[in-house]
N, C-alpha and C. Protein backbone atom coordinates (compact mmCIF):
# COMPACT_ATOMS: atom_id res chain seq x y z
N ILE A 1 -10.09 0.66 4.47
CA ILE A 1 -9.35 1.24 3.35
C ILE A 1 -7.91 0.75 3.42
N VAL A 2 -7.42 0.28 2.28
CA VAL A 2 -6.02 -0.15 2.16
C VAL A 2 -5.38 0.75 1.11
N ALA A 3 -4.37 1.50 1.51
CA ALA A 3 -3.64 2.35 0.57
C ALA A 3 -2.71 1.46 -0.26
N LEU A 4 -2.61 1.74 -1.52
CA LEU A 4 -1.81 0.94 -2.44
C LEU A 4 -0.92 1.86 -3.24
N SER A 5 0.38 1.75 -3.01
CA SER A 5 1.32 2.59 -3.73
C SER A 5 2.41 1.70 -4.31
N ILE A 6 2.19 1.28 -5.53
CA ILE A 6 3.09 0.36 -6.22
C ILE A 6 3.27 0.88 -7.64
N GLU A 7 4.47 0.72 -8.17
CA GLU A 7 4.71 1.14 -9.54
C GLU A 7 3.91 0.26 -10.50
N ASN A 8 3.58 0.81 -11.66
CA ASN A 8 2.79 0.08 -12.66
C ASN A 8 3.43 -1.27 -12.97
N GLY A 9 2.61 -2.29 -13.02
CA GLY A 9 3.09 -3.63 -13.33
C GLY A 9 2.17 -4.67 -12.75
N LEU A 10 2.61 -5.90 -12.77
CA LEU A 10 1.80 -7.01 -12.31
C LEU A 10 1.47 -6.91 -10.82
N ASN A 11 2.43 -6.46 -10.00
CA ASN A 11 2.16 -6.34 -8.55
C ASN A 11 1.02 -5.36 -8.26
N LEU A 12 0.88 -4.34 -9.06
CA LEU A 12 -0.21 -3.39 -8.86
C LEU A 12 -1.56 -4.07 -9.09
N LEU A 13 -1.67 -4.83 -10.15
CA LEU A 13 -2.90 -5.55 -10.44
C LEU A 13 -3.20 -6.60 -9.37
N VAL A 14 -2.18 -7.34 -8.97
CA VAL A 14 -2.35 -8.34 -7.92
C VAL A 14 -2.79 -7.68 -6.61
N GLY A 15 -2.20 -6.54 -6.28
CA GLY A 15 -2.58 -5.82 -5.07
C GLY A 15 -4.03 -5.36 -5.11
N MET A 16 -4.44 -4.78 -6.22
CA MET A 16 -5.83 -4.32 -6.36
C MET A 16 -6.82 -5.47 -6.20
N LEU A 17 -6.56 -6.55 -6.94
CA LEU A 17 -7.48 -7.68 -6.89
C LEU A 17 -7.50 -8.34 -5.52
N GLY A 18 -6.34 -8.43 -4.87
CA GLY A 18 -6.28 -9.02 -3.54
C GLY A 18 -7.05 -8.20 -2.52
N ILE A 19 -6.92 -6.90 -2.59
CA ILE A 19 -7.64 -6.02 -1.67
C ILE A 19 -9.15 -6.13 -1.89
N LEU A 20 -9.57 -6.11 -3.14
CA LEU A 20 -11.00 -6.24 -3.44
C LEU A 20 -11.53 -7.61 -3.03
N HIS A 21 -10.75 -8.65 -3.26
CA HIS A 21 -11.15 -10.00 -2.88
C HIS A 21 -11.32 -10.13 -1.36
N ALA A 22 -10.54 -9.39 -0.61
CA ALA A 22 -10.63 -9.42 0.85
C ALA A 22 -11.83 -8.60 1.35
N GLY A 23 -12.51 -7.91 0.44
CA GLY A 23 -13.68 -7.13 0.83
C GLY A 23 -13.34 -5.73 1.28
N ALA A 24 -12.14 -5.28 1.01
CA ALA A 24 -11.70 -3.94 1.41
C ALA A 24 -11.78 -3.00 0.21
N THR A 25 -11.54 -1.75 0.48
CA THR A 25 -11.48 -0.71 -0.55
C THR A 25 -10.03 -0.29 -0.70
N TYR A 26 -9.55 -0.17 -1.93
CA TYR A 26 -8.18 0.28 -2.11
C TYR A 26 -8.14 1.76 -2.46
N LEU A 27 -7.09 2.39 -1.97
CA LEU A 27 -6.83 3.80 -2.22
C LEU A 27 -5.54 3.89 -3.02
N PRO A 28 -5.61 4.11 -4.32
CA PRO A 28 -4.38 4.18 -5.11
C PRO A 28 -3.63 5.49 -4.83
N ILE A 29 -2.35 5.35 -4.57
CA ILE A 29 -1.48 6.51 -4.36
C ILE A 29 -0.31 6.38 -5.32
N ASP A 30 -0.16 7.34 -6.20
CA ASP A 30 0.94 7.33 -7.16
C ASP A 30 2.26 7.48 -6.40
N PRO A 31 3.20 6.53 -6.55
CA PRO A 31 4.47 6.63 -5.84
C PRO A 31 5.34 7.79 -6.31
N ASN A 32 4.95 8.42 -7.42
CA ASN A 32 5.71 9.57 -7.93
C ASN A 32 5.26 10.89 -7.31
N TYR A 33 4.18 10.86 -6.51
CA TYR A 33 3.75 12.07 -5.82
C TYR A 33 4.82 12.53 -4.84
N PRO A 34 4.89 13.83 -4.57
CA PRO A 34 5.80 14.32 -3.53
C PRO A 34 5.36 13.78 -2.16
N VAL A 35 6.30 13.64 -1.24
CA VAL A 35 6.02 13.09 0.09
C VAL A 35 4.94 13.89 0.80
N ASP A 36 4.94 15.21 0.67
CA ASP A 36 3.91 16.03 1.32
C ASP A 36 2.51 15.68 0.83
N ARG A 37 2.37 15.43 -0.46
CA ARG A 37 1.06 15.06 -1.03
C ARG A 37 0.62 13.69 -0.50
N ILE A 38 1.54 12.74 -0.44
CA ILE A 38 1.24 11.40 0.06
C ILE A 38 0.80 11.48 1.52
N GLU A 39 1.51 12.26 2.32
CA GLU A 39 1.15 12.42 3.73
C GLU A 39 -0.25 13.01 3.87
N SER A 40 -0.59 13.97 3.03
CA SER A 40 -1.90 14.60 3.07
C SER A 40 -3.00 13.60 2.72
N ILE A 41 -2.77 12.79 1.70
CA ILE A 41 -3.75 11.78 1.30
C ILE A 41 -3.98 10.78 2.42
N VAL A 42 -2.90 10.30 3.01
CA VAL A 42 -3.00 9.31 4.09
C VAL A 42 -3.68 9.91 5.32
N GLU A 43 -3.37 11.15 5.62
CA GLU A 43 -3.99 11.82 6.77
C GLU A 43 -5.50 11.95 6.58
N ASP A 44 -5.93 12.28 5.36
CA ASP A 44 -7.35 12.44 5.07
C ASP A 44 -8.10 11.10 5.04
N ALA A 45 -7.51 10.09 4.42
CA ALA A 45 -8.21 8.82 4.22
C ALA A 45 -8.08 7.87 5.41
N LYS A 46 -7.02 8.02 6.20
CA LYS A 46 -6.77 7.16 7.36
C LYS A 46 -6.87 5.67 7.01
N PRO A 47 -6.03 5.19 6.07
CA PRO A 47 -6.06 3.77 5.73
C PRO A 47 -5.55 2.91 6.88
N VAL A 48 -6.04 1.69 6.95
CA VAL A 48 -5.61 0.76 7.99
C VAL A 48 -4.19 0.31 7.72
N ILE A 49 -3.85 0.15 6.45
CA ILE A 49 -2.55 -0.36 6.06
C ILE A 49 -2.15 0.25 4.72
N LEU A 50 -0.87 0.33 4.48
CA LEU A 50 -0.36 0.80 3.19
C LEU A 50 0.45 -0.33 2.59
N LEU A 51 0.11 -0.73 1.39
CA LEU A 51 0.79 -1.80 0.68
C LEU A 51 1.69 -1.17 -0.37
N THR A 52 3.00 -1.46 -0.29
CA THR A 52 3.95 -0.88 -1.22
C THR A 52 5.04 -1.89 -1.53
N GLU A 53 6.14 -1.45 -2.10
CA GLU A 53 7.26 -2.32 -2.45
C GLU A 53 8.53 -1.83 -1.77
N ASN A 54 9.50 -2.74 -1.61
CA ASN A 54 10.75 -2.40 -0.92
C ASN A 54 11.47 -1.21 -1.52
N ASN A 55 11.46 -1.09 -2.84
CA ASN A 55 12.19 0.01 -3.47
C ASN A 55 11.53 1.37 -3.24
N LEU A 56 10.33 1.38 -2.67
CA LEU A 56 9.62 2.65 -2.40
C LEU A 56 9.51 2.95 -0.91
N LYS A 57 9.99 2.08 -0.04
CA LYS A 57 9.73 2.21 1.40
C LYS A 57 10.27 3.50 2.01
N SER A 58 11.28 4.10 1.44
CA SER A 58 11.82 5.34 2.01
C SER A 58 10.81 6.49 1.95
N LYS A 59 9.85 6.43 1.05
CA LYS A 59 8.83 7.49 0.94
C LYS A 59 7.77 7.38 2.02
N PHE A 60 7.66 6.21 2.66
CA PHE A 60 6.52 5.94 3.53
C PHE A 60 6.87 5.71 5.00
N PHE A 61 8.13 5.84 5.38
CA PHE A 61 8.51 5.50 6.75
C PHE A 61 7.90 6.43 7.79
N SER A 62 7.50 7.62 7.43
CA SER A 62 6.98 8.57 8.42
C SER A 62 5.44 8.59 8.49
N LEU A 63 4.79 7.74 7.74
CA LEU A 63 3.33 7.75 7.71
C LEU A 63 2.74 7.08 8.94
N PRO A 64 1.57 7.57 9.39
CA PRO A 64 0.96 7.04 10.61
C PRO A 64 0.08 5.81 10.39
N CYS A 65 0.49 4.92 9.48
CA CYS A 65 -0.27 3.68 9.28
C CYS A 65 0.73 2.54 9.10
N ASN A 66 0.27 1.33 9.30
CA ASN A 66 1.12 0.16 9.11
C ASN A 66 1.48 0.06 7.64
N THR A 67 2.74 -0.25 7.37
CA THR A 67 3.21 -0.38 5.99
C THR A 67 3.71 -1.80 5.78
N VAL A 68 3.24 -2.42 4.70
CA VAL A 68 3.65 -3.77 4.35
C VAL A 68 4.28 -3.73 2.97
N MET A 69 5.44 -4.37 2.84
CA MET A 69 6.11 -4.45 1.55
C MET A 69 5.58 -5.68 0.81
N MET A 70 4.89 -5.45 -0.28
CA MET A 70 4.25 -6.53 -1.01
C MET A 70 5.26 -7.57 -1.49
N ASP A 71 6.44 -7.13 -1.89
CA ASP A 71 7.43 -8.07 -2.39
C ASP A 71 8.21 -8.75 -1.27
N ALA A 72 7.84 -8.51 -0.01
CA ALA A 72 8.51 -9.16 1.12
C ALA A 72 7.58 -10.12 1.86
N ILE A 73 6.35 -10.30 1.38
CA ILE A 73 5.39 -11.20 2.02
C ILE A 73 5.70 -12.62 1.56
N PRO A 74 6.00 -13.53 2.49
CA PRO A 74 6.25 -14.92 2.09
C PRO A 74 5.01 -15.54 1.46
N GLU A 75 5.21 -16.38 0.48
CA GLU A 75 4.09 -17.01 -0.22
C GLU A 75 3.24 -17.81 0.76
N GLY A 76 1.94 -17.62 0.70
CA GLY A 76 1.02 -18.35 1.57
C GLY A 76 0.84 -17.72 2.93
N LYS A 77 1.44 -16.56 3.20
CA LYS A 77 1.37 -15.93 4.51
C LYS A 77 0.60 -14.62 4.49
N THR A 78 -0.21 -14.36 3.49
CA THR A 78 -0.87 -13.08 3.34
C THR A 78 -1.87 -12.79 4.47
N ASN A 79 -2.54 -13.78 5.00
CA ASN A 79 -3.54 -13.55 6.05
C ASN A 79 -2.93 -12.98 7.32
N GLU A 80 -1.66 -13.25 7.58
CA GLU A 80 -1.00 -12.74 8.78
C GLU A 80 -0.83 -11.23 8.75
N PHE A 81 -0.85 -10.63 7.58
CA PHE A 81 -0.58 -9.21 7.45
C PHE A 81 -1.84 -8.36 7.42
N LEU A 82 -3.00 -8.97 7.25
CA LEU A 82 -4.22 -8.19 7.13
C LEU A 82 -5.03 -8.22 8.39
């Protein structure tokens, strides 16, 4: 399971398709949810990684899973993060 918390836009679609292409399951998490709700979702689902964006990273620093900023991955280096 890969948690995906990205604001609506092209990065969200790219994230979904990339996760599915890798053979994983994505768990969409609305970045507008309160931090307590996000923590509860992550605790229940236990995702291997959380994919988000730099402008949202302050919401996810306390979560017990690896967090990757989608807009900080160098082009062509995606395999190193999964």
